[in-house]
Protein backbone atom coordinates (compact mmCIF):
# COMPACT_ATOMS: atom_id res chain seq x y z
CA MET A 1 154.31 -99.62 30.48
CA TRP A 2 150.54 -98.86 31.28
CA ASP A 3 150.53 -95.13 31.18
CA LYS A 4 147.25 -92.80 30.52
CA THR A 5 148.75 -92.45 26.52
CA VAL A 6 148.23 -96.33 26.22
CA ARG A 7 145.31 -97.24 28.62
CA GLU A 8 143.40 -94.41 26.04
CA MET A 9 144.24 -95.90 22.88
CA LEU A 10 141.95 -96.96 20.18
CA TYR A 11 142.67 -100.86 19.46
CA SER A 12 141.88 -102.08 15.95
CA ARG A 13 140.36 -105.28 17.37
CA PRO A 14 136.89 -104.94 19.49
CA GLU A 15 138.20 -108.39 21.42
CA ARG A 16 139.52 -107.82 25.10
CA ALA A 17 142.21 -109.98 26.41
CA THR A 18 142.90 -110.50 29.99
CA PHE A 19 146.50 -111.16 31.67
CA SER A 20 146.59 -113.96 34.32
CA VAL A 21 150.40 -113.54 35.69
CA LYS A 22 152.06 -114.10 39.15
CA PHE A 23 150.40 -112.52 42.13
CA SER A 24 153.07 -110.06 43.78
CA LEU A 25 152.10 -108.62 47.28
CA LYS A 26 154.33 -105.59 46.31
CA ASP A 27 152.36 -105.16 43.43
CA ASP A 28 155.15 -105.80 41.28
CA SER A 29 155.34 -108.06 37.99
CA THR A 30 157.96 -110.73 37.96
CA PRO A 31 160.66 -109.54 35.19
CA TYR A 32 159.40 -112.24 33.18
CA ALA A 33 155.66 -111.23 33.19
CA SER A 34 156.44 -107.58 32.71
CA GLU A 35 158.70 -108.44 29.57
CA PHE A 36 155.63 -110.84 28.34
CA ALA A 37 153.34 -107.72 28.39
CA LEU A 38 155.67 -105.51 26.50
CA ALA A 39 156.14 -108.21 24.21
CA MET A 40 152.59 -108.47 23.41
CA LYS A 41 152.64 -104.59 22.68
CA ARG A 42 155.12 -105.49 19.88
CA ASP A 43 153.70 -108.19 18.50
CA PRO A 44 152.12 -107.31 15.11
CA PHE A 45 148.79 -109.34 15.53
CA LEU A 46 148.29 -109.30 19.79
CA LYS A 47 149.30 -105.33 19.88
CA HIS A 48 145.88 -104.72 18.55
CA PHE A 49 143.96 -105.94 21.19
CA LYS A 50 143.24 -104.09 24.44
CA ALA A 51 144.59 -106.28 27.80
CA TYR A 52 144.00 -106.12 31.19
CA PHE A 53 147.43 -106.26 33.07
CA PRO A 54 146.37 -106.83 36.62
CA ASN A 55 149.58 -106.24 38.49
CA ALA A 56 149.99 -102.79 36.91
CA TRP A 57 147.29 -102.00 39.84
CA GLU A 58 147.25 -101.70 43.51
CA LYS A 59 145.49 -104.84 45.07
CA ASP A 60 142.97 -105.14 47.81
CA SER A 61 141.37 -108.33 48.76
CA CYS A 62 138.62 -109.63 51.37
CA ASP A 63 140.54 -112.52 51.68
CA PRO A 64 142.95 -111.90 54.29
CA LYS A 65 145.73 -114.32 52.94
CA PHE A 66 144.97 -112.68 49.49
CA THR A 67 145.47 -115.87 47.22
CA ASP A 68 143.54 -118.78 49.64
CA ILE A 69 141.76 -120.93 46.96
CA GLN A 70 139.96 -122.11 50.23
CA HIS A 71 138.32 -118.41 50.55
CA PRO A 72 134.72 -118.53 49.16
CA CYS A 73 134.96 -115.07 46.80
CA ARG A 74 135.03 -116.36 43.28
CA GLY A 75 135.21 -112.28 42.38
CA ALA A 76 131.25 -112.09 41.74
CA LEU A 77 129.61 -109.32 44.35
CA ALA A 78 127.67 -111.97 46.42
CA THR A 79 130.80 -114.03 47.26
CA CYS A 80 132.91 -111.15 47.96
CA LYS A 81 133.03 -109.87 51.52
CA ILE A 82 134.31 -106.26 50.36
CA PRO A 83 131.05 -104.17 50.49
CA ASP A 84 129.70 -103.31 47.14
CA SER A 85 130.28 -99.76 47.87
CA ASP A 86 134.00 -100.52 47.96
CA ASN A 87 134.19 -102.63 44.90
CA LEU A 88 132.27 -100.49 42.26
CA THR A 89 133.03 -96.96 40.86
CA PRO A 90 130.07 -94.68 41.86
CA GLY A 91 127.06 -94.70 39.32
CA THR A 92 128.45 -97.93 37.34
CA ASN A 93 129.01 -101.82 37.82
CA ARG A 94 133.07 -101.17 37.37
CA PRO A 95 135.74 -101.81 39.75
CA CYS A 96 137.74 -98.68 41.53
CA ALA A 97 140.82 -98.71 43.43
CA THR A 98 139.36 -100.13 46.84
CA SER A 99 138.05 -103.04 44.98
CA CYS A 100 138.68 -106.54 46.12
CA TRP A 101 141.28 -108.19 43.18
CA ARG A 102 139.16 -110.54 42.48
CA PHE A 103 136.12 -108.76 41.78
CA ALA A 104 138.29 -106.71 39.45
CA PHE A 105 139.60 -109.40 38.03
CA ARG A 106 136.13 -111.33 37.21
CA PHE A 107 134.99 -107.90 35.98
CA HIS A 108 137.66 -107.92 33.27
CA LEU A 109 137.33 -111.57 32.76
CA GLU A 110 133.62 -111.15 31.81
CA GLU A 111 134.19 -108.27 29.56
CA SER A 112 136.76 -110.30 27.56
CA LYS A 113 134.08 -113.02 27.62
CA ALA A 114 131.05 -110.49 26.37
CA THR A 115 133.52 -109.39 23.41
CA ASN A 116 134.43 -112.78 22.56
CA GLY A 117 138.13 -112.37 24.01
CA PHE A 118 140.30 -114.47 25.81
CA MET A 119 142.55 -114.63 28.78
CA ILE A 120 146.37 -115.38 28.28
CA GLN A 121 147.75 -116.99 31.36
CA VAL A 122 151.52 -116.83 31.83
CA GLU A 123 152.97 -119.86 33.74
CA GLU A 124 156.42 -119.45 34.40
CA LYS A 125 159.19 -121.96 34.56
CA ALA A 126 158.37 -123.02 38.16
CA GLY A 127 154.35 -123.24 37.59
CA LEU A 128 151.55 -121.18 38.20
CA GLY A 129 151.01 -118.84 41.31
CA ALA A 130 148.43 -119.16 43.95
CA GLY A 131 146.64 -116.11 42.39
CA GLN A 132 146.72 -118.01 39.40
CA LYS A 133 144.75 -120.81 40.10
CA MET A 134 142.14 -118.89 41.35
CA GLU A 135 142.23 -116.64 38.45
CA THR A 136 141.60 -120.30 36.35
CA GLU A 137 138.64 -121.28 38.56
CA MET A 138 137.12 -117.60 37.86
CA ALA A 139 138.07 -117.87 33.78
CA LYS A 140 136.23 -121.35 34.03
CA ASP A 141 133.20 -120.10 35.85
CA VAL A 142 132.82 -117.16 33.02
CA ASN A 143 133.39 -119.74 30.50
CA LEU A 144 136.09 -118.08 29.12
CA LYS A 145 138.89 -119.38 26.44
CA ILE A 146 142.46 -119.65 28.17
CA PHE A 147 145.44 -119.46 26.28
CA ARG A 148 148.49 -121.17 29.03
CA THR A 149 151.73 -120.41 27.91
CA TYR A 150 154.89 -122.77 29.56
CA THR A 151 158.15 -122.90 29.03
CA ASN A 152 161.03 -124.55 30.16
CA ILE A 153 163.43 -121.17 30.58
CA ASP A 154 163.32 -118.32 33.02
CA PHE A 155 163.27 -115.51 30.26
CA LEU A 156 161.18 -115.31 27.44
CA TRP A 157 162.27 -116.08 23.95
CA ASP A 158 160.62 -113.98 21.24
CA VAL A 159 160.99 -117.08 18.81
CA GLY A 160 158.53 -118.92 21.39
CA PHE A 161 156.51 -115.92 21.87
CA LYS A 162 155.42 -115.95 18.15
CA LYS A 163 153.72 -119.41 18.81
CA LEU A 164 151.30 -117.51 21.21
CA SER A 165 150.37 -114.86 18.66
CA GLU A 166 149.84 -117.89 15.88
CA ALA A 167 147.83 -119.77 18.34
CA VAL A 168 145.43 -117.07 18.94
CA GLN A 169 145.33 -116.21 14.85
CA GLU A 170 144.34 -119.80 14.52
CA TRP A 171 141.68 -119.70 17.53
CA TYR A 172 140.02 -116.88 15.37
CA LYS A 173 140.47 -118.03 11.89
CA SER A 174 138.34 -121.90 13.26
CA GLY A 175 135.55 -119.41 14.37
CA CYS A 176 136.22 -119.66 18.16
CA ALA A 177 136.32 -123.39 18.21
CA ASN A 178 137.06 -125.48 21.36
CA PRO A 179 136.38 -122.34 23.59
CA ASP A 180 135.78 -124.64 26.70
CA GLN A 181 139.12 -126.28 26.59
CA LEU A 182 142.36 -124.61 27.89
CA GLU A 183 144.65 -124.33 25.14
CA ASN A 184 148.60 -125.06 25.98
CA VAL A 185 151.37 -123.22 24.35
CA PHE A 186 154.96 -123.90 24.80
CA ILE A 187 156.70 -120.77 24.40
CA GLY A 188 160.63 -122.19 25.34
CA ILE A 189 163.30 -123.85 23.48
CA PRO A 190 162.49 -127.26 22.37
CA ASP A 191 164.70 -130.05 23.44
CA MET A 192 166.24 -128.26 26.44
CA ASN A 193 165.69 -129.25 29.65
CA MET A 194 162.10 -130.77 28.86
CA ASN A 195 162.98 -134.04 30.82
CA GLY A 196 160.14 -135.70 28.76
CA PHE A 197 157.56 -133.47 29.90
CA VAL A 198 155.12 -132.83 27.00
CA ARG A 199 151.17 -131.27 27.40
CA PRO A 200 148.26 -131.94 25.52
CA ARG A 201 147.29 -128.84 23.18
CA TYR A 202 144.05 -129.10 24.56
CA GLU A 203 142.47 -129.75 28.16
CA PRO A 204 139.35 -129.59 29.38
CA LEU A 205 138.46 -126.89 31.85
């Protein structure tokens, strides 16, 4: 899904996107997360953004539990317990194969912020994973725009996915208004198993 050809493609948009998906100790993505990433590659608008998909890479961690939100690491070198020599590609400030996943993730968040990009947080029907809650904190620290999708179904509905594409397009047309607010985007099936659950479009970070 993220082979060398894809990684080296030239994208027409200069902004970078970062995915926040459910964390897996097996370095797997859930089928929902994988389908979501593939849907972004198919979307006429979103396919033009280079996106970091963390579950495509091997994970290390300075946190023995990997996703303990009480652990002090927030992805900065000053808070990470892995030595700089293991976190950084020699001669650069970029993460490498032995980097802490939090450091690597924050690096891409900061890259997204520097390019006026955004984070797409993929919340599955069962809710956010523990790692995603940590990723929300890191995005807040970086002051990066978050689009959080949520759903009432276990599969990705392409018609619903278009709402995310429309929301991102609208954000750029607005001049990137409300960058400090999390934007909820419902991509499920309306009136199906909602049980009266409705989220506001915007939430403060």
